[in-house]
């Protein structure tokens, strides 16, 4: 909870700095330009950049509190939950399924825990992989025959 409050205070400071920057830009547009306005504008830009960095760093800290035990407990709770409970069903879908595409003749389910591409693209890839394997096999077979291998011949260099 403290992290949320701190992030909100950083975001409030960033908003204030952005408003001050906008006011300075408006003043510059009206012709009020001095060395102080230039300096102040640079200071605000640096402050905004630092606040952006700090906000992102604080958000990242929130993710570091996940331990393997917490993840295991969460997944166990979802898996062992009452399947009749609508909330549990939604949690299962949100956790394990990235998208479901429904066609008239088929359904495509993309899971969150896999790096494989969706089924429609995977079928194309599998055909391409088979074609490449066949081409490689055509090239390798002559090289494996002992008459074609240069180190087995006495005359030819390796």
N, C-alpha and C. Protein backbone atom coordinates (compact mmCIF):
# COMPACT_ATOMS: atom_id res chain seq x y z
N UNK A 1 0.81 -1.19 0.00
CA UNK A 1 0.00 0.00 0.00
C UNK A 1 0.85 1.26 0.00
N UNK A 2 1.97 1.22 0.73
CA UNK A 2 2.87 2.37 0.77
C UNK A 2 3.40 2.68 -0.62
N UNK A 3 3.68 1.60 -1.41
CA UNK A 3 4.21 1.78 -2.74
C UNK A 3 3.23 2.55 -3.62
N UNK A 4 1.94 2.20 -3.52
CA UNK A 4 0.91 2.88 -4.31
C UNK A 4 0.85 4.36 -3.96
N UNK A 5 0.91 4.67 -2.68
CA UNK A 5 0.86 6.06 -2.23
C UNK A 5 2.08 6.82 -2.73
N UNK A 6 3.24 6.20 -2.66
CA UNK A 6 4.45 6.86 -3.11
C UNK A 6 4.41 7.10 -4.62
N UNK A 7 3.94 6.12 -5.37
CA UNK A 7 3.82 6.27 -6.83
C UNK A 7 2.84 7.39 -7.15
N UNK A 8 1.74 7.44 -6.43
CA UNK A 8 0.76 8.51 -6.67
C UNK A 8 1.34 9.88 -6.37
N UNK A 9 2.15 9.98 -5.31
CA UNK A 9 2.76 11.28 -5.00
C UNK A 9 3.77 11.67 -6.08
N UNK A 10 4.52 10.70 -6.61
CA UNK A 10 5.44 10.98 -7.71
C UNK A 10 4.69 11.42 -8.96
N UNK A 11 3.57 10.75 -9.22
CA UNK A 11 2.76 11.13 -10.39
C UNK A 11 2.15 12.51 -10.22
N UNK A 12 1.78 12.88 -9.00
CA UNK A 12 1.24 14.22 -8.73
C UNK A 12 2.33 15.27 -8.96
N UNK A 13 3.54 14.98 -8.50
CA UNK A 13 4.66 15.90 -8.74
C UNK A 13 4.93 16.04 -10.23
N UNK A 14 4.83 14.95 -10.96
CA UNK A 14 5.04 14.99 -12.41
C UNK A 14 3.98 15.84 -13.08
N UNK A 15 2.74 15.68 -12.66
CA UNK A 15 1.64 16.48 -13.22
C UNK A 15 1.87 17.96 -12.96
N UNK A 16 2.29 18.29 -11.76
CA UNK A 16 2.58 19.68 -11.40
C UNK A 16 3.71 20.23 -12.28
N UNK A 17 4.74 19.44 -12.48
CA UNK A 17 5.86 19.88 -13.31
C UNK A 17 5.43 20.05 -14.76
N UNK A 18 4.56 19.18 -15.23
CA UNK A 18 4.06 19.31 -16.60
C UNK A 18 3.25 20.59 -16.77
N UNK A 19 2.41 20.92 -15.78
CA UNK A 19 1.62 22.15 -15.83
C UNK A 19 2.53 23.37 -15.84
N UNK A 20 3.57 23.33 -15.01
CA UNK A 20 4.52 24.45 -14.97
C UNK A 20 5.23 24.59 -16.31
N UNK A 21 5.57 23.47 -16.92
CA UNK A 21 6.20 23.50 -18.24
C UNK A 21 5.27 24.11 -19.28
N UNK A 22 4.01 23.70 -19.25
CA UNK A 22 3.02 24.26 -20.19
C UNK A 22 2.87 25.75 -19.99
N UNK A 23 2.85 26.21 -18.73
CA UNK A 23 2.74 27.64 -18.45
C UNK A 23 3.95 28.41 -18.99
N UNK A 24 5.13 27.83 -18.80
CA UNK A 24 6.33 28.49 -19.33
C UNK A 24 6.31 28.55 -20.85
N UNK A 25 5.88 27.47 -21.46
CA UNK A 25 5.79 27.45 -22.93
C UNK A 25 4.79 28.49 -23.41
N UNK A 26 3.67 28.64 -22.71
CA UNK A 26 2.69 29.67 -23.05
C UNK A 26 3.30 31.06 -22.92
N UNK A 27 4.07 31.27 -21.87
CA UNK A 27 4.72 32.57 -21.68
C UNK A 27 5.72 32.84 -22.80
N UNK A 28 6.47 31.81 -23.20
CA UNK A 28 7.43 31.97 -24.28
C UNK A 28 6.71 32.29 -25.58
N UNK A 29 5.58 31.62 -25.81
CA UNK A 29 4.80 31.88 -27.02
C UNK A 29 4.27 33.31 -27.06
N UNK A 30 4.04 33.90 -25.89
CA UNK A 30 3.55 35.28 -25.81
C UNK A 30 4.69 36.30 -25.89
N UNK A 31 5.90 35.79 -26.00
CA UNK A 31 7.04 36.67 -26.16
C UNK A 31 7.79 36.96 -24.88
N UNK A 32 7.39 36.37 -23.79
CA UNK A 32 8.08 36.58 -22.51
C UNK A 32 9.19 35.53 -22.44
N UNK A 33 10.35 35.92 -22.91
CA UNK A 33 11.47 34.98 -22.91
C UNK A 33 12.68 35.67 -22.29
N UNK A 34 13.15 35.06 -21.25
CA UNK A 34 14.34 35.55 -20.56
C UNK A 34 15.26 34.36 -20.31
N UNK A 35 16.40 34.67 -19.79
CA UNK A 35 17.34 33.60 -19.45
C UNK A 35 16.77 32.73 -18.33
N UNK A 36 16.02 33.35 -17.43
CA UNK A 36 15.40 32.59 -16.33
C UNK A 36 14.36 31.61 -16.84
N UNK A 37 13.54 32.02 -17.82
CA UNK A 37 12.52 31.10 -18.34
C UNK A 37 13.18 29.90 -19.03
N UNK A 38 14.26 30.17 -19.76
CA UNK A 38 14.97 29.07 -20.42
C UNK A 38 15.54 28.11 -19.37
N UNK A 39 16.17 28.67 -18.34
CA UNK A 39 16.76 27.85 -17.29
C UNK A 39 15.70 27.04 -16.56
N UNK A 40 14.60 27.72 -16.23
CA UNK A 40 13.52 27.05 -15.50
C UNK A 40 12.91 25.93 -16.34
N UNK A 41 12.75 26.17 -17.64
CA UNK A 41 12.19 25.16 -18.54
C UNK A 41 13.10 23.93 -18.58
N UNK A 42 14.41 24.15 -18.66
CA UNK A 42 15.36 23.03 -18.65
C UNK A 42 15.30 22.27 -17.33
N UNK A 43 15.18 23.01 -16.22
CA UNK A 43 15.07 22.36 -14.91
C UNK A 43 13.83 21.48 -14.84
N UNK A 44 12.72 22.02 -15.32
CA UNK A 44 11.46 21.25 -15.30
C UNK A 44 11.55 20.01 -16.18
N UNK A 45 12.17 20.14 -17.33
CA UNK A 45 12.32 18.99 -18.21
C UNK A 45 13.16 17.91 -17.53
N UNK A 46 14.24 18.32 -16.87
CA UNK A 46 15.07 17.36 -16.13
C UNK A 46 14.27 16.72 -14.99
N UNK A 47 13.48 17.53 -14.31
CA UNK A 47 12.68 17.03 -13.19
C UNK A 47 11.65 16.02 -13.68
N UNK A 48 11.01 16.31 -14.81
CA UNK A 48 10.02 15.39 -15.38
C UNK A 48 10.70 14.07 -15.78
N UNK A 49 11.85 14.16 -16.40
CA UNK A 49 12.58 12.94 -16.78
C UNK A 49 12.94 12.12 -15.55
N UNK A 50 13.41 12.78 -14.51
CA UNK A 50 13.76 12.07 -13.27
C UNK A 50 12.53 11.44 -12.63
N UNK A 51 11.42 12.18 -12.64
CA UNK A 51 10.18 11.64 -12.07
C UNK A 51 9.69 10.43 -12.87
N UNK A 52 9.79 10.51 -14.20
CA UNK A 52 9.42 9.36 -15.03
C UNK A 52 10.25 8.14 -14.66
N UNK A 53 11.55 8.36 -14.50
CA UNK A 53 12.45 7.27 -14.12
C UNK A 53 12.07 6.72 -12.75
N UNK A 54 11.84 7.61 -11.79
CA UNK A 54 11.49 7.17 -10.43
C UNK A 54 10.17 6.41 -10.39
N UNK A 55 9.19 6.89 -11.14
CA UNK A 55 7.89 6.22 -11.20
C UNK A 55 8.05 4.82 -11.76
N UNK A 56 8.79 4.71 -12.86
CA UNK A 56 9.00 3.40 -13.47
C UNK A 56 9.76 2.47 -12.53
N UNK A 57 10.74 3.01 -11.84
CA UNK A 57 11.51 2.20 -10.89
C UNK A 57 10.62 1.70 -9.76
N UNK A 58 9.75 2.55 -9.24
CA UNK A 58 8.84 2.13 -8.17
C UNK A 58 7.84 1.09 -8.66
N UNK A 59 7.38 1.24 -9.89
CA UNK A 59 6.46 0.24 -10.45
C UNK A 59 7.17 -1.10 -10.60
N UNK A 60 8.43 -1.07 -10.98
CA UNK A 60 9.19 -2.31 -11.12
C UNK A 60 9.40 -2.99 -9.77
N UNK A 61 9.56 -2.20 -8.72
CA UNK A 61 9.73 -2.78 -7.39
C UNK A 61 8.52 -3.60 -6.98
N UNK A 62 7.35 -3.18 -7.42
CA UNK A 62 6.13 -3.90 -7.08
C UNK A 62 6.17 -5.32 -7.64
N UNK A 63 6.84 -5.50 -8.76
CA UNK A 63 6.91 -6.81 -9.37
C UNK A 63 7.94 -7.72 -8.69
N UNK A 64 8.89 -7.14 -8.00
CA UNK A 64 9.93 -7.96 -7.39
C UNK A 64 9.45 -8.70 -6.15
N UNK A 65 8.27 -8.39 -5.66
CA UNK A 65 7.77 -9.05 -4.48
C UNK A 65 7.12 -10.39 -4.79
N UNK A 66 7.04 -10.74 -6.06
CA UNK A 66 6.52 -12.05 -6.43
C UNK A 66 7.59 -13.09 -6.18
N UNK A 67 7.26 -14.06 -5.39
CA UNK A 67 8.19 -15.16 -5.13
C UNK A 67 7.61 -16.42 -5.77
N UNK A 68 8.44 -17.41 -5.98
CA UNK A 68 7.91 -18.68 -6.52
C UNK A 68 6.79 -19.26 -5.66
N UNK A 69 6.90 -19.09 -4.35
CA UNK A 69 5.86 -19.61 -3.45
C UNK A 69 4.54 -18.89 -3.68
N UNK A 70 4.60 -17.55 -3.85
CA UNK A 70 3.36 -16.79 -4.09
C UNK A 70 2.72 -17.19 -5.41
N UNK A 71 3.55 -17.38 -6.42
CA UNK A 71 3.02 -17.79 -7.72
C UNK A 71 2.40 -19.18 -7.62
N UNK A 72 3.08 -20.08 -6.93
CA UNK A 72 2.56 -21.44 -6.76
C UNK A 72 1.24 -21.42 -5.99
N UNK A 73 1.17 -20.62 -4.92
CA UNK A 73 -0.07 -20.51 -4.15
C UNK A 73 -1.21 -19.97 -5.01
N UNK A 74 -0.91 -18.96 -5.81
CA UNK A 74 -1.94 -18.36 -6.66
C UNK A 74 -2.47 -19.39 -7.66
N UNK A 75 -1.54 -20.07 -8.34
CA UNK A 75 -1.96 -21.07 -9.33
C UNK A 75 -2.71 -22.23 -8.68
N UNK A 76 -2.27 -22.65 -7.50
CA UNK A 76 -2.96 -23.72 -6.78
C UNK A 76 -4.37 -23.29 -6.41
N UNK A 77 -4.50 -22.05 -5.96
CA UNK A 77 -5.83 -21.53 -5.60
C UNK A 77 -6.76 -21.53 -6.81
N UNK A 78 -6.24 -21.14 -7.95
CA UNK A 78 -7.07 -21.11 -9.15
C UNK A 78 -7.43 -22.52 -9.60
N UNK A 79 -6.44 -23.39 -9.63
CA UNK A 79 -6.68 -24.74 -10.13
C UNK A 79 -7.61 -25.52 -9.20
N UNK A 80 -7.45 -25.35 -7.91
CA UNK A 80 -8.25 -26.13 -6.97
C UNK A 80 -9.55 -25.42 -6.58
N UNK A 81 -9.86 -24.32 -7.23
CA UNK A 81 -11.09 -23.59 -6.91
C UNK A 81 -12.33 -24.30 -7.42
N UNK A 82 -13.46 -23.84 -6.97
CA UNK A 82 -14.76 -24.40 -7.37
C UNK A 82 -15.05 -23.99 -8.81
N UNK A 83 -15.06 -24.96 -9.71
CA UNK A 83 -15.25 -24.69 -11.13
C UNK A 83 -16.62 -24.10 -11.44
N UNK A 84 -17.56 -24.28 -10.55
CA UNK A 84 -18.90 -23.72 -10.74
C UNK A 84 -18.94 -22.23 -10.41
N UNK A 85 -17.95 -21.74 -9.70
CA UNK A 85 -17.88 -20.33 -9.32
C UNK A 85 -17.45 -19.51 -10.54
N UNK A 86 -18.24 -18.51 -10.89
CA UNK A 86 -18.00 -17.68 -12.07
C UNK A 86 -16.67 -16.92 -11.96
N UNK A 87 -16.34 -16.46 -10.78
CA UNK A 87 -15.09 -15.72 -10.56
C UNK A 87 -13.88 -16.61 -10.81
N UNK A 88 -13.95 -17.85 -10.32
CA UNK A 88 -12.86 -18.80 -10.53
C UNK A 88 -12.70 -19.09 -12.02
N UNK A 89 -13.80 -19.25 -12.71
CA UNK A 89 -13.76 -19.50 -14.15
C UNK A 89 -13.05 -18.35 -14.88
N UNK A 90 -13.42 -17.13 -14.52
CA UNK A 90 -12.80 -15.95 -15.16
C UNK A 90 -11.31 -15.89 -14.83
N UNK A 91 -10.94 -16.21 -13.60
CA UNK A 91 -9.52 -16.21 -13.21
C UNK A 91 -8.73 -17.23 -14.02
N UNK A 92 -9.32 -18.40 -14.23
CA UNK A 92 -8.64 -19.44 -15.01
C UNK A 92 -8.42 -18.94 -16.44
N UNK A 93 -9.44 -18.36 -17.03
CA UNK A 93 -9.33 -17.85 -18.40
C UNK A 93 -8.27 -16.75 -18.46
N UNK A 94 -8.32 -15.79 -17.55
CA UNK A 94 -7.37 -14.68 -17.55
C UNK A 94 -5.93 -15.16 -17.35
N UNK A 95 -5.77 -16.20 -16.56
CA UNK A 95 -4.42 -16.69 -16.24
C UNK A 95 -3.81 -17.50 -17.37
N UNK A 96 -4.58 -18.37 -17.97
CA UNK A 96 -4.00 -19.34 -18.89
C UNK A 96 -4.26 -19.06 -20.37
N UNK A 97 -5.24 -18.26 -20.70
CA UNK A 97 -5.61 -18.09 -22.11
C UNK A 97 -5.42 -16.64 -22.53
N UNK A 98 -4.66 -16.46 -23.61
CA UNK A 98 -4.41 -15.12 -24.14
C UNK A 98 -5.57 -14.65 -25.01
N UNK A 99 -6.01 -15.52 -25.95
CA UNK A 99 -7.12 -15.15 -26.82
C UNK A 99 -7.82 -16.39 -27.34
N UNK A 100 -9.08 -16.22 -27.68
CA UNK A 100 -9.87 -17.27 -28.30
C UNK A 100 -10.51 -16.65 -29.53
N UNK A 101 -10.24 -17.27 -30.69
CA UNK A 101 -10.82 -16.77 -31.94
C UNK A 101 -11.77 -17.85 -32.45
N UNK A 102 -13.02 -17.47 -32.64
CA UNK A 102 -14.05 -18.41 -33.05
C UNK A 102 -14.40 -18.15 -34.51
N UNK A 103 -14.23 -19.20 -35.35
CA UNK A 103 -14.62 -19.16 -36.75
C UNK A 103 -15.84 -20.06 -36.92
N UNK A 104 -16.43 -20.04 -38.10
CA UNK A 104 -17.59 -20.90 -38.36
C UNK A 104 -17.21 -22.38 -38.29
N UNK A 105 -16.00 -22.72 -38.74
CA UNK A 105 -15.61 -24.12 -38.81
C UNK A 105 -14.53 -24.55 -37.83
N UNK A 106 -13.97 -23.61 -37.08
CA UNK A 106 -12.91 -23.98 -36.13
C UNK A 106 -12.79 -22.91 -35.04
N UNK A 107 -11.99 -23.25 -34.03
CA UNK A 107 -11.72 -22.33 -32.93
C UNK A 107 -10.21 -22.33 -32.69
N UNK A 108 -9.64 -21.16 -32.47
CA UNK A 108 -8.21 -21.03 -32.21
C UNK A 108 -8.04 -20.48 -30.80
N UNK A 109 -7.27 -21.22 -30.00
CA UNK A 109 -7.01 -20.80 -28.62
C UNK A 109 -5.50 -20.56 -28.50
N UNK A 110 -5.13 -19.36 -28.06
CA UNK A 110 -3.73 -19.03 -27.82
C UNK A 110 -3.53 -18.93 -26.32
N UNK A 111 -2.58 -19.70 -25.80
CA UNK A 111 -2.34 -19.76 -24.37
C UNK A 111 -1.27 -18.75 -23.95
N UNK A 112 -1.30 -18.34 -22.71
CA UNK A 112 -0.32 -17.40 -22.18
C UNK A 112 1.02 -18.04 -21.88
N UNK A 113 1.07 -19.33 -21.70
CA UNK A 113 2.28 -19.97 -21.23
C UNK A 113 3.10 -20.60 -22.34
N UNK A 114 2.86 -20.25 -23.57
CA UNK A 114 3.60 -20.83 -24.67
C UNK A 114 4.17 -19.74 -25.57
N UNK A 115 5.29 -20.04 -26.19
CA UNK A 115 5.89 -19.11 -27.14
C UNK A 115 5.48 -19.43 -28.56
N UNK A 116 4.69 -20.47 -28.73
CA UNK A 116 4.28 -20.85 -30.08
C UNK A 116 3.33 -19.81 -30.65
N UNK A 117 3.40 -19.66 -31.96
CA UNK A 117 2.51 -18.73 -32.62
C UNK A 117 1.12 -19.34 -32.71
N UNK A 118 0.09 -18.55 -32.98
CA UNK A 118 -1.26 -19.10 -33.10
C UNK A 118 -1.32 -20.20 -34.15
N UNK A 119 -2.31 -21.06 -34.02
CA UNK A 119 -2.43 -22.25 -34.85
C UNK A 119 -2.45 -21.92 -36.34
N UNK A 120 -3.15 -20.87 -36.74
CA UNK A 120 -3.24 -20.56 -38.17
C UNK A 120 -1.86 -20.26 -38.75
N UNK A 121 -1.00 -19.59 -38.01
CA UNK A 121 0.36 -19.30 -38.47
C UNK A 121 1.26 -20.51 -38.29
N UNK A 122 1.02 -21.31 -37.27
CA UNK A 122 1.85 -22.46 -36.98
C UNK A 122 1.72 -23.49 -38.10
N UNK A 123 0.52 -23.65 -38.69
CA UNK A 123 0.35 -24.61 -39.78
C UNK A 123 1.22 -24.22 -40.96
N UNK A 124 1.29 -22.95 -41.26
CA UNK A 124 2.13 -22.48 -42.35
C UNK A 124 3.59 -22.74 -42.01
N UNK A 125 3.96 -22.45 -40.80
CA UNK A 125 5.34 -22.65 -40.38
C UNK A 125 5.73 -24.12 -40.44
N UNK A 126 4.85 -25.01 -40.04
CA UNK A 126 5.16 -26.43 -40.08
C UNK A 126 5.42 -26.89 -41.51
N UNK A 127 4.64 -26.40 -42.47
CA UNK A 127 4.86 -26.74 -43.88
C UNK A 127 6.23 -26.24 -44.34
N UNK A 128 6.56 -25.01 -43.94
CA UNK A 128 7.86 -24.45 -44.31
C UNK A 128 9.00 -25.24 -43.68
N UNK A 129 8.84 -25.64 -42.43
CA UNK A 129 9.87 -26.42 -41.74
C UNK A 129 10.07 -27.76 -42.44
N UNK A 130 8.96 -28.42 -42.81
CA UNK A 130 9.07 -29.70 -43.51
C UNK A 130 9.80 -29.53 -44.84
N UNK A 131 9.49 -28.44 -45.56
CA UNK A 131 10.15 -28.19 -46.83
C UNK A 131 11.65 -27.97 -46.64
N UNK A 132 12.01 -27.23 -45.63
CA UNK A 132 13.43 -26.99 -45.34
C UNK A 132 14.12 -28.28 -44.94
N UNK A 133 13.47 -29.11 -44.12
CA UNK A 133 14.06 -30.39 -43.72
C UNK A 133 14.31 -31.28 -44.94
N UNK A 134 13.33 -31.32 -45.85
CA UNK A 134 13.49 -32.13 -47.06
C UNK A 134 14.65 -31.63 -47.89
N UNK A 135 14.78 -30.31 -48.01
CA UNK A 135 15.88 -29.73 -48.78
C UNK A 135 17.22 -30.05 -48.13
N UNK A 136 17.28 -29.96 -46.82
CA UNK A 136 18.52 -30.28 -46.10
C UNK A 136 18.86 -31.75 -46.29
N UNK A 137 17.88 -32.62 -46.18
CA UNK A 137 18.13 -34.06 -46.37
C UNK A 137 18.66 -34.35 -47.77
N UNK A 138 18.14 -33.64 -48.77
CA UNK A 138 18.64 -33.82 -50.14
C UNK A 138 20.11 -33.43 -50.23
N UNK A 139 20.49 -32.39 -49.52
CA UNK A 139 21.87 -31.90 -49.56
C UNK A 139 22.80 -32.77 -48.73
N UNK A 140 22.30 -33.32 -47.63
CA UNK A 140 23.15 -34.09 -46.72
C UNK A 140 23.44 -35.49 -47.25
N UNK A 141 22.46 -36.13 -47.86
CA UNK A 141 22.63 -37.51 -48.31
C UNK A 141 23.86 -37.69 -49.21
N UNK A 142 24.08 -36.86 -50.23
CA UNK A 142 25.29 -37.05 -51.03
C UNK A 142 26.57 -36.87 -50.21
N UNK A 143 26.54 -35.96 -49.23
CA UNK A 143 27.72 -35.71 -48.42
C UNK A 143 28.04 -36.88 -47.50
N UNK A 144 27.04 -37.67 -47.16
CA UNK A 144 27.25 -38.80 -46.26
C UNK A 144 27.76 -40.04 -46.97
N UNK A 145 27.62 -40.08 -48.28
CA UNK A 145 28.12 -41.23 -49.01
C UNK A 145 29.65 -41.21 -48.99
N UNK A 146 30.27 -42.35 -48.75
CA UNK A 146 31.72 -42.35 -48.54
C UNK A 146 32.50 -42.00 -49.79
N UNK A 147 31.91 -42.17 -50.97
CA UNK A 147 32.62 -41.82 -52.19
C UNK A 147 32.75 -40.30 -52.35
N UNK A 148 31.84 -39.57 -51.73
CA UNK A 148 31.84 -38.12 -51.88
C UNK A 148 32.60 -37.39 -50.78
N UNK A 149 32.95 -38.07 -49.74
CA UNK A 149 33.61 -37.42 -48.61
C UNK A 149 35.09 -37.30 -48.92
N UNK A 150 35.62 -36.08 -48.85
CA UNK A 150 36.98 -35.82 -49.31
C UNK A 150 38.04 -36.44 -48.40
N UNK A 151 37.82 -36.55 -47.13
CA UNK A 151 38.86 -37.08 -46.25
C UNK A 151 39.06 -38.57 -46.41
N UNK A 152 38.12 -39.25 -47.08
CA UNK A 152 38.26 -40.69 -47.29
C UNK A 152 38.98 -40.99 -48.60
N UNK A 153 39.12 -39.99 -49.45
CA UNK A 153 39.82 -40.19 -50.70
C UNK A 153 41.30 -39.85 -50.50
N UNK A 154 42.14 -40.62 -51.12
CA UNK A 154 43.58 -40.41 -50.91
C UNK A 154 44.10 -39.23 -51.71
N UNK A 155 43.56 -38.96 -52.86
CA UNK A 155 44.10 -37.96 -53.75
C UNK A 155 43.63 -36.55 -53.41
N UNK A 156 42.37 -36.40 -53.09
CA UNK A 156 41.81 -35.05 -52.92
C UNK A 156 42.17 -34.46 -51.57
N UNK A 157 42.32 -33.15 -51.52
CA UNK A 157 42.62 -32.50 -50.24
C UNK A 157 41.39 -32.52 -49.33
N UNK A 158 41.62 -32.34 -48.04
CA UNK A 158 40.49 -32.36 -47.11
C UNK A 158 39.57 -31.17 -47.26
